[in-house]
C-alpha atoms as a PDB file:
ATOM      1  CA  MET A   1     -12.346 -78.577  36.802  1.00  0.00           C
ATOM      2  CA  GLU A   2     -15.328 -77.062  35.056  1.00  0.00           C
ATOM      3  CA  SER A   3     -14.739 -73.758  36.913  1.00  0.00           C
ATOM      4  CA  SER A   4     -11.130 -73.631  35.710  1.00  0.00           C
ATOM      5  CA  GLN A   5     -12.226 -74.133  32.097  1.00  0.00           C
ATOM      6  CA  LYS A   6     -14.728 -71.255  32.398  1.00  0.00           C
ATOM      7  CA  THR A   7     -12.046 -68.975  33.862  1.00  0.00           C
ATOM      8  CA  SER A   8      -9.645 -69.881  31.052  1.00  0.00           C
ATOM      9  CA  THR A   9     -12.309 -69.196  28.435  1.00  0.00           C
ATOM     10  CA  GLY A  10     -13.097 -65.827  30.045  1.00  0.00           C
ATOM     11  CA  LEU A  11      -9.447 -64.835  29.988  1.00  0.00           C
ATOM     12  CA  LYS A  12      -9.160 -65.741  26.345  1.00  0.00           C
ATOM     13  CA  VAL A  13     -12.246 -63.702  25.478  1.00  0.00           C
ATOM     14  CA  GLY A  14     -10.936 -60.731  27.507  1.00  0.00           C
ATOM     15  CA  LEU A  15      -7.534 -60.920  25.817  1.00  0.00           C
ATOM     16  CA  GLY A  16      -9.249 -61.097  22.455  1.00  0.00           C
ATOM     17  CA  ILE A  17     -11.283 -57.970  23.191  1.00  0.00           C
ATOM     18  CA  LEU A  18      -8.147 -56.138  24.391  1.00  0.00           C
ATOM     19  CA  LEU A  19      -6.314 -57.185  21.222  1.00  0.00           C
ATOM     20  CA  VAL A  20      -9.144 -55.899  19.019  1.00  0.00           C
ATOM     21  CA  LEU A  21      -9.233 -52.592  20.931  1.00  0.00           C
ATOM     22  CA  PHE A  22      -5.472 -52.271  20.587  1.00  0.00           C
ATOM     23  CA  LEU A  23      -5.600 -52.899  16.845  1.00  0.00           C
ATOM     24  CA  VAL A  24      -8.465 -50.381  16.373  1.00  0.00           C
ATOM     25  CA  THR A  25      -6.608 -47.769  18.430  1.00  0.00           C
ATOM     26  CA  ALA A  26      -3.410 -48.385  16.465  1.00  0.00           C
ATOM     27  CA  PHE A  27      -5.346 -48.061  13.196  1.00  0.00           C
ATOM     28  CA  TYR A  28      -6.904 -44.702  14.125  1.00  0.00           C
ATOM     29  CA  ALA A  29      -3.617 -43.381  15.530  1.00  0.00           C
ATOM     30  CA  SER A  30      -1.911 -44.305  12.277  1.00  0.00           C
ATOM     31  CA  LYS A  31      -4.686 -42.653  10.256  1.00  0.00           C
ATOM     32  CA  LEU A  32      -4.512 -39.438  12.335  1.00  0.00           C
ATOM     33  CA  TYR A  33      -0.738 -39.330  11.892  1.00  0.00           C
ATOM     34  CA  THR A  34      -1.087 -39.871   8.139  1.00  0.00           C
ATOM     35  CA  ASP A  35      -3.793 -37.164   7.870  1.00  0.00           C
ATOM     36  CA  LYS A  36      -1.605 -34.732   9.850  1.00  0.00           C
ATOM     37  CA  LYS A  37       1.341 -35.354   7.536  1.00  0.00           C
ATOM     38  CA  GLU A  38      -0.842 -34.879   4.453  1.00  0.00           C
ATOM     39  CA  THR A  39      -2.238 -31.613   5.877  1.00  0.00           C
ATOM     40  CA  GLU A  40       1.254 -30.341   6.663  1.00  0.00           C
ATOM     41  CA  LYS A  41       2.411 -31.296   3.177  1.00  0.00           C
ATOM     42  CA  THR A  42      -0.533 -29.442   1.607  1.00  0.00           C
ATOM     43  CA  LEU A  43       0.094 -26.325   3.749  1.00  0.00           C
ATOM     44  CA  VAL A  44       3.790 -26.305   2.827  1.00  0.00           C
ATOM     45  CA  THR A  45       2.885 -26.605  -0.872  1.00  0.00           C
ATOM     46  CA  GLU A  46       0.300 -23.777  -0.710  1.00  0.00           C
ATOM     47  CA  LYS A  47       2.681 -21.589   1.332  1.00  0.00           C
ATOM     48  CA  GLN A  48       5.356 -22.066  -1.337  1.00  0.00           C
ATOM     49  CA  GLN A  49       2.798 -21.160  -4.039  1.00  0.00           C
ATOM     50  CA  VAL A  50       1.971 -17.878  -2.223  1.00  0.00           C
ATOM     51  CA  MET A  51       5.722 -17.228  -1.904  1.00  0.00           C
ATOM     52  CA  ASN A  52       6.183 -17.859  -5.647  1.00  0.00           C
ATOM     53  CA  ASP A  53       3.293 -15.520  -6.479  1.00  0.00           C
ATOM     54  CA  LEU A  54       4.783 -12.764  -4.287  1.00  0.00           C
ATOM     55  CA  ASN A  55       8.184 -13.299  -5.892  1.00  0.00           C
ATOM     56  CA  ASN A  56       6.617 -12.912  -9.355  1.00  0.00           C
ATOM     57  CA  MET A  57       4.978  -9.650  -8.219  1.00  0.00           C
ATOM     58  CA  ALA A  58       8.316  -8.404  -6.939  1.00  0.00           C
ATOM     59  CA  MET A  59       9.939  -9.206 -10.307  1.00  0.00           C
ATOM     60  CA  GLN A  60       7.252  -7.219 -12.145  1.00  0.00           C
ATOM     61  CA  TYR A  61       7.909  -4.225  -9.872  1.00  0.00           C
ATOM     62  CA  ASP A  62      11.650  -4.572 -10.524  1.00  0.00           C
ATOM     63  CA  GLU A  63      11.016  -4.471 -14.268  1.00  0.00           C
ATOM     64  CA  ALA A  64       8.741  -1.409 -13.949  1.00  0.00           C
ATOM     65  CA  ILE A  65      11.308   0.396 -11.795  1.00  0.00           C
ATOM     66  CA  ALA A  66      14.097  -0.433 -14.263  1.00  0.00           C
ATOM     67  CA  GLU A  67      12.055   0.850 -17.215  1.00  0.00           C
ATOM     68  CA  SER A  68      11.087   4.136 -15.515  1.00  0.00           C
ATOM     69  CA  GLU A  69      13.191   7.110 -16.557  1.00  0.00           C
ATOM     70  CA  ILE A  70      12.743   8.716 -13.138  1.00  0.00           C
ATOM     71  CA  LYS A  71      13.239   6.814  -9.893  1.00  0.00           C
ATOM     72  CA  ASN A  72       9.695   6.510  -8.543  1.00  0.00           C
ATOM     73  CA  GLN A  73       9.393   6.208  -4.776  1.00  0.00           C
ATOM     74  CA  ASP A  74       5.858   4.731  -4.911  1.00  0.00           C
ATOM     75  CA  LEU A  75       7.062   1.761  -6.976  1.00  0.00           C
ATOM     76  CA  ILE A  76      10.071   1.248  -4.721  1.00  0.00           C
ATOM     77  CA  ALA A  77       7.903   1.415  -1.588  1.00  0.00           C
ATOM     78  CA  ALA A  78       5.455  -1.122  -3.038  1.00  0.00           C
ATOM     79  CA  ARG A  79       8.381  -3.442  -3.890  1.00  0.00           C
ATOM     80  CA  ASP A  80       9.722  -3.128  -0.333  1.00  0.00           C
ATOM     81  CA  ARG A  81       6.300  -3.964   1.116  1.00  0.00           C
ATOM     82  CA  ILE A  82       6.134  -7.157  -0.910  1.00  0.00           C
ATOM     83  CA  GLN A  83       9.619  -8.125   0.315  1.00  0.00           C
ATOM     84  CA  GLY A  84       8.468  -7.481   3.887  1.00  0.00           C
ATOM     85  CA  LEU A  85       5.471  -9.772   3.389  1.00  0.00           C
ATOM     86  CA  MET A  86       7.748 -12.473   1.915  1.00  0.00           C
ATOM     87  CA  ASP A  87      10.111 -12.240   4.890  1.00  0.00           C
ATOM     88  CA  SER A  88       7.158 -12.526   7.276  1.00  0.00           C
ATOM     89  CA  LEU A  89       5.720 -15.515   5.366  1.00  0.00           C
ATOM     90  CA  LYS A  90       9.041 -17.377   5.558  1.00  0.00           C
ATOM     91  CA  VAL A  91       8.954 -17.473   9.366  1.00  0.00           C
ATOM     92  CA  SER A  92       5.166 -17.877   9.739  1.00  0.00           C
ATOM     93  CA  GLN A  93       3.533 -20.985  11.187  1.00  0.00           C
ATOM     94  CA  ASN A  94       2.178 -23.651   8.828  1.00  0.00           C
ATOM     95  CA  SER A  95      -1.460 -23.242   9.855  1.00  0.00           C
ATOM     96  CA  VAL A  96      -4.688 -22.778   7.899  1.00  0.00           C
ATOM     97  CA  ASN A  97      -5.490 -19.432   9.599  1.00  0.00           C
ATOM     98  CA  SER A  98      -1.973 -18.062   9.045  1.00  0.00           C
ATOM     99  CA  LEU A  99      -1.909 -19.089   5.384  1.00  0.00           C
ATOM    100  CA  TRP A 100      -5.403 -17.572   4.802  1.00  0.00           C
ATOM    101  CA  ARG A 101      -4.295 -14.204   6.238  1.00  0.00           C
ATOM    102  CA  TYR A 102      -1.317 -14.113   3.894  1.00  0.00           C
ATOM    103  CA  LYS A 103      -3.484 -15.051   0.923  1.00  0.00           C
ATOM    104  CA  LYS A 104      -5.839 -12.132   1.719  1.00  0.00           C
ATOM    105  CA  LYS A 105      -2.884  -9.744   1.911  1.00  0.00           C
ATOM    106  CA  PHE A 106      -1.539 -11.102  -1.363  1.00  0.00           C
ATOM    107  CA  LEU A 107      -4.900 -10.541  -3.098  1.00  0.00           C
ATOM    108  CA  ALA A 108      -4.999  -6.945  -1.849  1.00  0.00           C
ATOM    109  CA  LEU A 109      -1.471  -6.332  -3.147  1.00  0.00           C
ATOM    110  CA  GLN A 110      -2.343  -7.991  -6.462  1.00  0.00           C
ATOM    111  CA  GLU A 111      -5.304  -5.654  -6.996  1.00  0.00           C
ATOM    112  CA  GLU A 112      -3.178  -2.591  -6.230  1.00  0.00           C
ATOM    113  CA  MET A 113      -0.457  -3.804  -8.584  1.00  0.00           C
ATOM    114  CA  ASP A 114      -2.966  -4.290 -11.426  1.00  0.00           C
ATOM    115  CA  VAL A 115      -4.075  -0.660 -11.061  1.00  0.00           C
ATOM    116  CA  LEU A 116      -0.499   0.586 -10.865  1.00  0.00           C
ATOM    117  CA  MET A 117       0.716  -1.334 -13.928  1.00  0.00           C
ATOM    118  CA  VAL A 118      -2.204  -0.169 -16.081  1.00  0.00           C
ATOM    119  CA  GLU A 119      -1.539   3.437 -15.088  1.00  0.00           C
ATOM    120  CA  ASN A 120       2.198   2.958 -15.628  1.00  0.00           C
ATOM    121  CA  ASP A 121       1.622   1.762 -19.216  1.00  0.00           C
ATOM    122  CA  LYS A 122      -0.698   4.720 -19.814  1.00  0.00           C
ATOM    123  CA  LEU A 123       1.891   7.143 -18.524  1.00  0.00           C
ATOM    124  CA  LYS A 124       4.578   5.656 -20.768  1.00  0.00           C
ATOM    125  CA  VAL A 125       2.447   6.494 -23.806  1.00  0.00           C
ATOM    126  CA  GLU A 126       1.704   9.977 -22.485  1.00  0.00           C
ATOM    127  CA  ASN A 127       5.372  10.649 -21.772  1.00  0.00           C
ATOM    128  CA  GLU A 128       6.355   9.567 -25.286  1.00  0.00           C
ATOM    129  CA  TYR A 129       3.802  12.012 -26.674  1.00  0.00           C
ATOM    130  CA  LEU A 130       5.041  14.800 -24.405  1.00  0.00           C
ATOM    131  CA  ALA A 131       8.646  14.166 -25.394  1.00  0.00           C
ATOM    132  CA  SER A 132       7.823  14.656 -29.072  1.00  0.00           C
ATOM    133  CA  SER A 133       5.346  17.527 -28.807  1.00  0.00           C
ATOM    134  CA  LEU A 134       6.174  19.813 -25.856  1.00  0.00           C
ATOM    135  CA  ASP A 135       8.690  22.635 -26.168  1.00  0.00           C
ATOM    136  CA  SER A 136      11.233  23.623 -23.508  1.00  0.00           C
ATOM    137  CA  THR A 137       9.219  26.264 -21.655  1.00  0.00           C
ATOM    138  CA  GLN A 138       8.934  26.051 -17.897  1.00  0.00           C
ATOM    139  CA  VAL A 139       5.172  25.459 -18.028  1.00  0.00           C
ATOM    140  CA  GLN A 140       5.570  22.465 -20.355  1.00  0.00           C
ATOM    141  CA  LEU A 141       8.389  21.053 -18.297  1.00  0.00           C
ATOM    142  CA  ALA A 142       6.186  21.307 -15.190  1.00  0.00           C
ATOM    143  CA  GLU A 143       3.349  19.460 -16.934  1.00  0.00           C
ATOM    144  CA  ARG A 144       5.719  16.717 -18.060  1.00  0.00           C
ATOM    145  CA  THR A 145       7.014  16.334 -14.512  1.00  0.00           C
ATOM    146  CA  ILE A 146       3.450  15.896 -13.237  1.00  0.00           C
ATOM    147  CA  PHE A 147       2.698  13.106 -15.689  1.00  0.00           C
ATOM    148  CA  THR A 148       6.074  11.415 -15.232  1.00  0.00           C
ATOM    149  CA  ASP A 149       5.825  11.357 -11.451  1.00  0.00           C
ATOM    150  CA  SER A 150       2.146  10.304 -11.345  1.00  0.00           C
ATOM    151  CA  LEU A 151       2.310   6.514 -10.933  1.00  0.00           C
ATOM    152  CA  LEU A 152      -0.657   4.842  -9.264  1.00  0.00           C
ATOM    153  CA  VAL A 153      -0.667   2.126  -6.759  1.00  0.00           C
ATOM    154  CA  GLN A 154      -1.419   2.175  -3.486  1.00  0.00           C
ATOM    155  CA  ASN A 155      -0.392   2.615  -0.570  1.00  0.00           C
ATOM    156  CA  THR A 156       0.763   3.522   1.044  1.00  0.00           C
ATOM    157  CA  GLU A 157       2.987   3.064   2.854  1.00  0.00           C
ATOM    158  CA  LEU A 158       1.170  -0.023   3.462  1.00  0.00           C
ATOM    159  CA  ALA A 159       2.049   1.469   6.840  1.00  0.00           C
ATOM    160  CA  ASN A 160       0.865  -0.581   6.664  1.00  0.00           C
ATOM    161  CA  VAL A 161      -1.051  -2.630   4.163  1.00  0.00           C
ATOM    162  CA  VAL A 162       0.779  -5.695   5.447  1.00  0.00           C
ATOM    163  CA  GLU A 163      -0.848  -5.088   8.845  1.00  0.00           C
ATOM    164  CA  ASP A 164      -3.944  -3.195   7.717  1.00  0.00           C
ATOM    165  CA  ALA A 165      -4.982  -3.763   4.105  1.00  0.00           C
ATOM    166  CA  ALA A 166      -8.032  -1.522   4.525  1.00  0.00           C
ATOM    167  CA  ALA A 167      -6.080   1.707   5.157  1.00  0.00           C
ATOM    168  CA  LEU A 168      -6.453   4.567   2.655  1.00  0.00           C
ATOM    169  CA  GLN A 169      -3.370   5.139   0.501  1.00  0.00           C
ATOM    170  CA  THR A 170      -2.359   7.969  -1.843  1.00  0.00           C
ATOM    171  CA  VAL A 171      -0.087   7.910  -4.898  1.00  0.00           C
ATOM    172  CA  GLY A 172       1.179  10.413  -7.439  1.00  0.00           C
ATOM    173  CA  LEU A 173       1.644  13.201  -4.889  1.00  0.00           C
ATOM    174  CA  VAL A 174       2.939  16.427  -6.521  1.00  0.00           C
ATOM    175  CA  GLY A 175       3.226  20.054  -5.468  1.00  0.00           C
ATOM    176  CA  MET A 176       3.830  23.152  -7.589  1.00  0.00           C
ATOM    177  CA  GLY A 177       3.378  26.882  -7.794  1.00  0.00           C
ATOM    178  CA  VAL A 178       0.558  28.176 -10.001  1.00  0.00           C
ATOM    179  CA  ILE A 179      -0.329  31.501 -11.572  1.00  0.00           C
ATOM    180  CA  GLU A 180      -4.073  32.131 -11.333  1.00  0.00           C
ATOM    181  CA  ARG A 181      -5.625  34.253 -14.108  1.00  0.00           C
ATOM    182  CA  ARG A 182      -8.731  36.348 -13.623  1.00  0.00           C
ATOM    183  CA  ASN A 183     -10.727  33.915 -15.721  1.00  0.00           C
ATOM    184  CA  GLY A 184      -9.767  31.109 -13.330  1.00  0.00           C
ATOM    185  CA  ARG A 185      -7.195  29.515 -15.595  1.00  0.00           C
ATOM    186  CA  GLN A 186      -4.160  28.143 -13.785  1.00  0.00           C
ATOM    187  CA  ILE A 187      -0.634  28.015 -15.172  1.00  0.00           C
ATOM    188  CA  PRO A 188       2.095  26.000 -13.418  1.00  0.00           C
ATOM    189  CA  THR A 189       5.248  28.008 -12.629  1.00  0.00           C
ATOM    190  CA  GLU A 190       8.584  27.408 -10.941  1.00  0.00           C
ATOM    191  CA  ARG A 191       8.957  31.091 -10.004  1.00  0.00           C
ATOM    192  CA  ALA A 192       8.280  31.914  -6.377  1.00  0.00           C
ATOM    193  CA  SER A 193       7.626  35.579  -7.145  1.00  0.00           C
ATOM    194  CA  ARG A 194       4.967  34.723  -9.753  1.00  0.00           C
ATOM    195  CA  SER A 195       3.172  32.023  -7.733  1.00  0.00           C
ATOM    196  CA  ASP A 196      -0.279  32.999  -6.516  1.00  0.00           C
ATOM    197  CA  LYS A 197      -0.911  29.651  -4.816  1.00  0.00           C
ATOM    198  CA  VAL A 198       0.690  26.306  -4.079  1.00  0.00           C
ATOM    199  CA  LYS A 199      -1.220  23.464  -5.698  1.00  0.00           C
ATOM    200  CA  VAL A 200      -1.069  19.958  -4.180  1.00  0.00           C
ATOM    201  CA  CYS A 201      -2.492  17.019  -6.140  1.00  0.00           C
ATOM    202  CA  PHE A 202      -2.672  13.291  -5.368  1.00  0.00           C
ATOM    203  CA  THR A 203      -4.783  10.238  -6.077  1.00  0.00           C
ATOM    204  CA  VAL A 204      -6.546   8.245  -3.363  1.00  0.00           C
ATOM    205  CA  ALA A 205      -5.982   4.678  -4.559  1.00  0.00           C
ATOM    206  CA  LYS A 206      -8.761   2.160  -5.109  1.00  0.00           C
ATOM    207  CA  ASN A 207      -9.170  -0.223  -2.179  1.00  0.00           C
ATOM    208  CA  THR A 208     -12.232  -2.455  -2.073  1.00  0.00           C
ATOM    209  CA  LEU A 209     -11.446  -3.385   1.539  1.00  0.00           C
ATOM    210  CA  THR A 210     -11.987   0.200   2.733  1.00  0.00           C
ATOM    211  CA  GLU A 211     -15.474   1.185   3.844  1.00  0.00           C
ATOM    212  CA  ALA A 212     -16.983   3.799   1.534  1.00  0.00           C
ATOM    213  CA  GLY A 213     -18.097   7.177   2.888  1.00  0.00           C
ATOM    214  CA  ASP A 214     -16.793  10.552   4.015  1.00  0.00           C
ATOM    215  CA  LYS A 215     -13.038  10.547   4.605  1.00  0.00           C
ATOM    216  CA  GLU A 216     -10.359  13.091   5.437  1.00  0.00           C
ATOM    217  CA  LEU A 217      -6.581  13.362   5.084  1.00  0.00           C
ATOM    218  CA  TYR A 218      -4.196  15.929   6.555  1.00  0.00           C
ATOM    219  CA  VAL A 219      -2.033  17.846   4.038  1.00  0.00           C
ATOM    220  CA  GLN A 220       1.164  19.475   5.272  1.00  0.00           C
ATOM    221  CA  VAL A 221       3.253  21.882   3.132  1.00  0.00           C
ATOM    222  CA  ILE A 222       6.578  23.036   4.610  1.00  0.00           C
ATOM    223  CA  ASP A 223       8.425  25.990   3.030  1.00  0.00           C
ATOM    224  CA  PRO A 224      12.242  26.402   2.710  1.00  0.00           C
ATOM    225  CA  LYS A 225      12.370  28.095   6.134  1.00  0.00           C
ATOM    226  CA  ASN A 226      10.659  25.075   7.742  1.00  0.00           C
ATOM    227  CA  ASN A 227       7.353  26.929   8.234  1.00  0.00           C
ATOM    228  CA  VAL A 228       4.055  25.054   7.827  1.00  0.00           C
ATOM    229  CA  LEU A 229       1.997  26.970   5.259  1.00  0.00           C
ATOM    230  CA  GLY A 230      -1.778  27.367   5.236  1.00  0.00           C
ATOM    231  CA  SER A 231      -3.796  27.254   8.449  1.00  0.00           C
ATOM    232  CA  ASN A 232      -0.937  25.667  10.447  1.00  0.00           C
ATOM    233  CA  ASP A 233      -3.436  24.099  12.845  1.00  0.00           C
ATOM    234  CA  GLN A 234      -2.598  21.268  15.232  1.00  0.00           C
ATOM    235  CA  ILE A 235      -4.118  17.891  15.995  1.00  0.00           C
ATOM    236  CA  GLU A 236      -3.000  15.715  18.878  1.00  0.00           C
ATOM    237  CA  PHE A 237      -2.656  11.935  18.802  1.00  0.00           C
ATOM    238  CA  GLU A 238      -1.654   9.698  21.685  1.00  0.00           C
ATOM    239  CA  ASP A 239       2.073   9.977  21.078  1.00  0.00           C
ATOM    240  CA  GLN A 240       2.535  12.961  18.766  1.00  0.00           C
ATOM    241  CA  VAL A 241       1.264  16.366  17.640  1.00  0.00           C
ATOM    242  CA  LEU A 242       0.758  17.096  13.937  1.00  0.00           C
ATOM    243  CA  ASN A 243       0.827  20.595  12.397  1.00  0.00           C
ATOM    244  CA  TYR A 244      -1.074  20.591   9.125  1.00  0.00           C
ATOM    245  CA  SER A 245      -1.763  23.092   6.341  1.00  0.00           C
ATOM    246  CA  LEU A 246      -5.298  21.917   5.552  1.00  0.00           C
ATOM    247  CA  ILE A 247      -7.720  19.008   5.882  1.00  0.00           C
ATOM    248  CA  SER A 248      -8.688  17.371   2.586  1.00  0.00           C
ATOM    249  CA  ARG A 249     -12.254  16.073   2.940  1.00  0.00           C
ATOM    250  CA  PHE A 250     -13.884  13.851   0.292  1.00  0.00           C
ATOM    251  CA  ASN A 251     -16.440  11.114  -0.276  1.00  0.00           C
ATOM    252  CA  TYR A 252     -14.714   7.806  -0.978  1.00  0.00           C
ATOM    253  CA  GLU A 253     -16.469   5.242  -3.202  1.00  0.00           C
ATOM    254  CA  ASN A 254     -13.848   2.456  -3.331  1.00  0.00           C
ATOM    255  CA  ARG A 255     -12.278   3.629  -6.570  1.00  0.00           C
ATOM    256  CA  ASN A 256      -9.394   5.858  -7.661  1.00  0.00           C
ATOM    257  CA  LEU A 257     -10.133   9.465  -6.703  1.00  0.00           C
ATOM    258  CA  ALA A 258      -8.028  12.409  -7.970  1.00  0.00           C
ATOM    259  CA  ILE A 259      -7.833  15.348  -5.544  1.00  0.00           C
ATOM    260  CA  CYS A 260      -6.195  18.807  -5.769  1.00  0.00           C
ATOM    261  CA  GLU A 261      -5.935  21.288  -2.885  1.00  0.00           C
ATOM    262  CA  TYR A 262      -4.658  24.904  -2.824  1.00  0.00           C
ATOM    263  CA  ILE A 263      -2.731  26.988  -0.311  1.00  0.00           C
ATOM    264  CA  SER A 264      -2.458  30.785  -0.537  1.00  0.00           C
ATOM    265  CA  GLN A 265      -0.107  33.239   1.126  1.00  0.00           C
ATOM    266  CA  ASP A 266      -1.159  36.428   2.924  1.00  0.00           C
ATOM    267  CA  LYS A 267      -1.820  39.373   0.595  1.00  0.00           C
ATOM    268  CA  ASP A 268       1.406  41.131   1.582  1.00  0.00           C
ATOM    269  CA  SER A 269       3.556  37.978   1.533  1.00  0.00           C
ATOM    270  CA  LYS A 270       5.309  36.096  -1.231  1.00  0.00           C
ATOM    271  CA  PHE A 271       6.347  32.483  -1.394  1.00  0.00           C
ATOM    272  CA  GLU A 272       9.959  31.828  -0.407  1.00  0.00           C
ATOM    273  CA  LYS A 273      12.497  30.612  -2.926  1.00  0.00           C
ATOM    274  CA  GLY A 274      13.820  27.113  -2.345  1.00  0.00           C
ATOM    275  CA  ARG A 275      12.721  23.554  -1.727  1.00  0.00           C
ATOM    276  CA  TYR A 276       9.215  22.773  -0.436  1.00  0.00           C
ATOM    277  CA  LYS A 277       8.156  19.503   1.145  1.00  0.00           C
ATOM    278  CA  VAL A 278       4.622  18.091   0.852  1.00  0.00           C
ATOM    279  CA  ASN A 279       3.305  15.380   3.194  1.00  0.00           C
ATOM    280  CA  VAL A 280      -0.062  13.611   3.357  1.00  0.00           C
ATOM    281  CA  PHE A 281      -1.152  11.932   6.599  1.00  0.00           C
ATOM    282  CA  ASN A 282      -3.911   9.409   7.295  1.00  0.00           C
ATOM    283  CA  ASP A 283      -4.449  10.265  10.949  1.00  0.00           C
ATOM    284  CA  LYS A 284      -0.898  10.233  12.331  1.00  0.00           C
ATOM    285  CA  ALA A 285       0.502   7.872   9.655  1.00  0.00           C
ATOM    286  CA  LEU A 286       2.557   9.469   6.877  1.00  0.00           C
ATOM    287  CA  ILE A 287       1.274   7.833   3.690  1.00  0.00           C
ATOM    288  CA  SER A 288       2.835   9.993   0.972  1.00  0.00           C
ATOM    289  CA  SER A 289       5.639  12.540   0.629  1.00  0.00           C
ATOM    290  CA  SER A 290       7.026  14.687  -2.192  1.00  0.00           C
ATOM    291  CA  GLU A 291       9.170  17.776  -2.857  1.00  0.00           C
ATOM    292  CA  PHE A 292       9.244  20.636  -5.376  1.00  0.00           C
ATOM    293  CA  VAL A 293      11.359  23.770  -5.889  1.00  0.00           C
ATOM    294  CA  LEU A 294      10.368  27.406  -6.460  1.00  0.00           C
ATOM    295  CA  LYS A 295      13.143  29.571  -7.897  1.00  0.00           C
END
C-alpha cells in the first residue's frame, strides 16, 4: 500500500514537471512568433519608407525634366535608374541585409541628385543670362548649347549604379569643333572646314564611394563616315574589342572634375561635314554618349 502511494506521488510530480515544461515551451514559442511578426512588420514599414523616398526622388527628376527647355538624356537616365531600383525593391525579400543594401543605394542616388539639382539651378540662371545677352552668332550659339546641355549628376549609366554604386560616371558630355589661334585662344565653330581640332568635354561626377587615385576613361569620336578619329587604338575585353580615339587619364579626388580632351586631324586632312558621335567608356561599359554636327 505504501509503495503504491509513493508511485502515485511520483507520477503526479512527473506530470507536474512536464506541465511546467510545456507551459514554458509554449510561452517562448509564442514570444518568438510575436517577435518575428514585429520584425516583419518593422521591415515592411521601413521598406515602404525607402520606396516612398525613391518615389519622391523620381518626382523631383520629373519636375526637372519638365522644366528643362532641352530634353536632357542624363536626367532621363537617372530617372530610369531610380525606377529600376523601385521595381527591384518591390520584389525583394523582407530581410535586414536586403533592406540595408537598398538603403545604401538610395543614399548614393540621393547624393548624386543633390549635386545634379544644384547644378541644374545654376544652369537655369546662366541660361537666362545668355538668352538676354548673347547675339545670334554661331560662336555664341555654341557656347549656349554647352551650358544648356551641361547638367550634372552622375552616372552613369548607373550601368550600373544599382549594381555598383562605386563606378565612375560622367555627365555633361559635349563635342564641338574649335578654331585655335596662334595665341592659344580657342573659338567654337560649327564649320568643318574651319575646325582645327575636335574638343570633347565632360565632368567626372562626385562619388564618395569610389576610391581616390589615378583613373582613366576611353574617349571615342566617330566621324560621319563611321571612322574612329584620333589614335584609333584597340583594347580587348573578355567579350568585346573597343576602338578608341584617346585615353583620358586623371587623378580623381572624390569630387566633381571637369575634363576636356582634343583630337586633331592629319595636316593634309580636313574634318568631314556631318554628324559626329562621342562616347566615353569606363573599361568596356558605355557611361556617356553625345552628338554634334559640323557643317
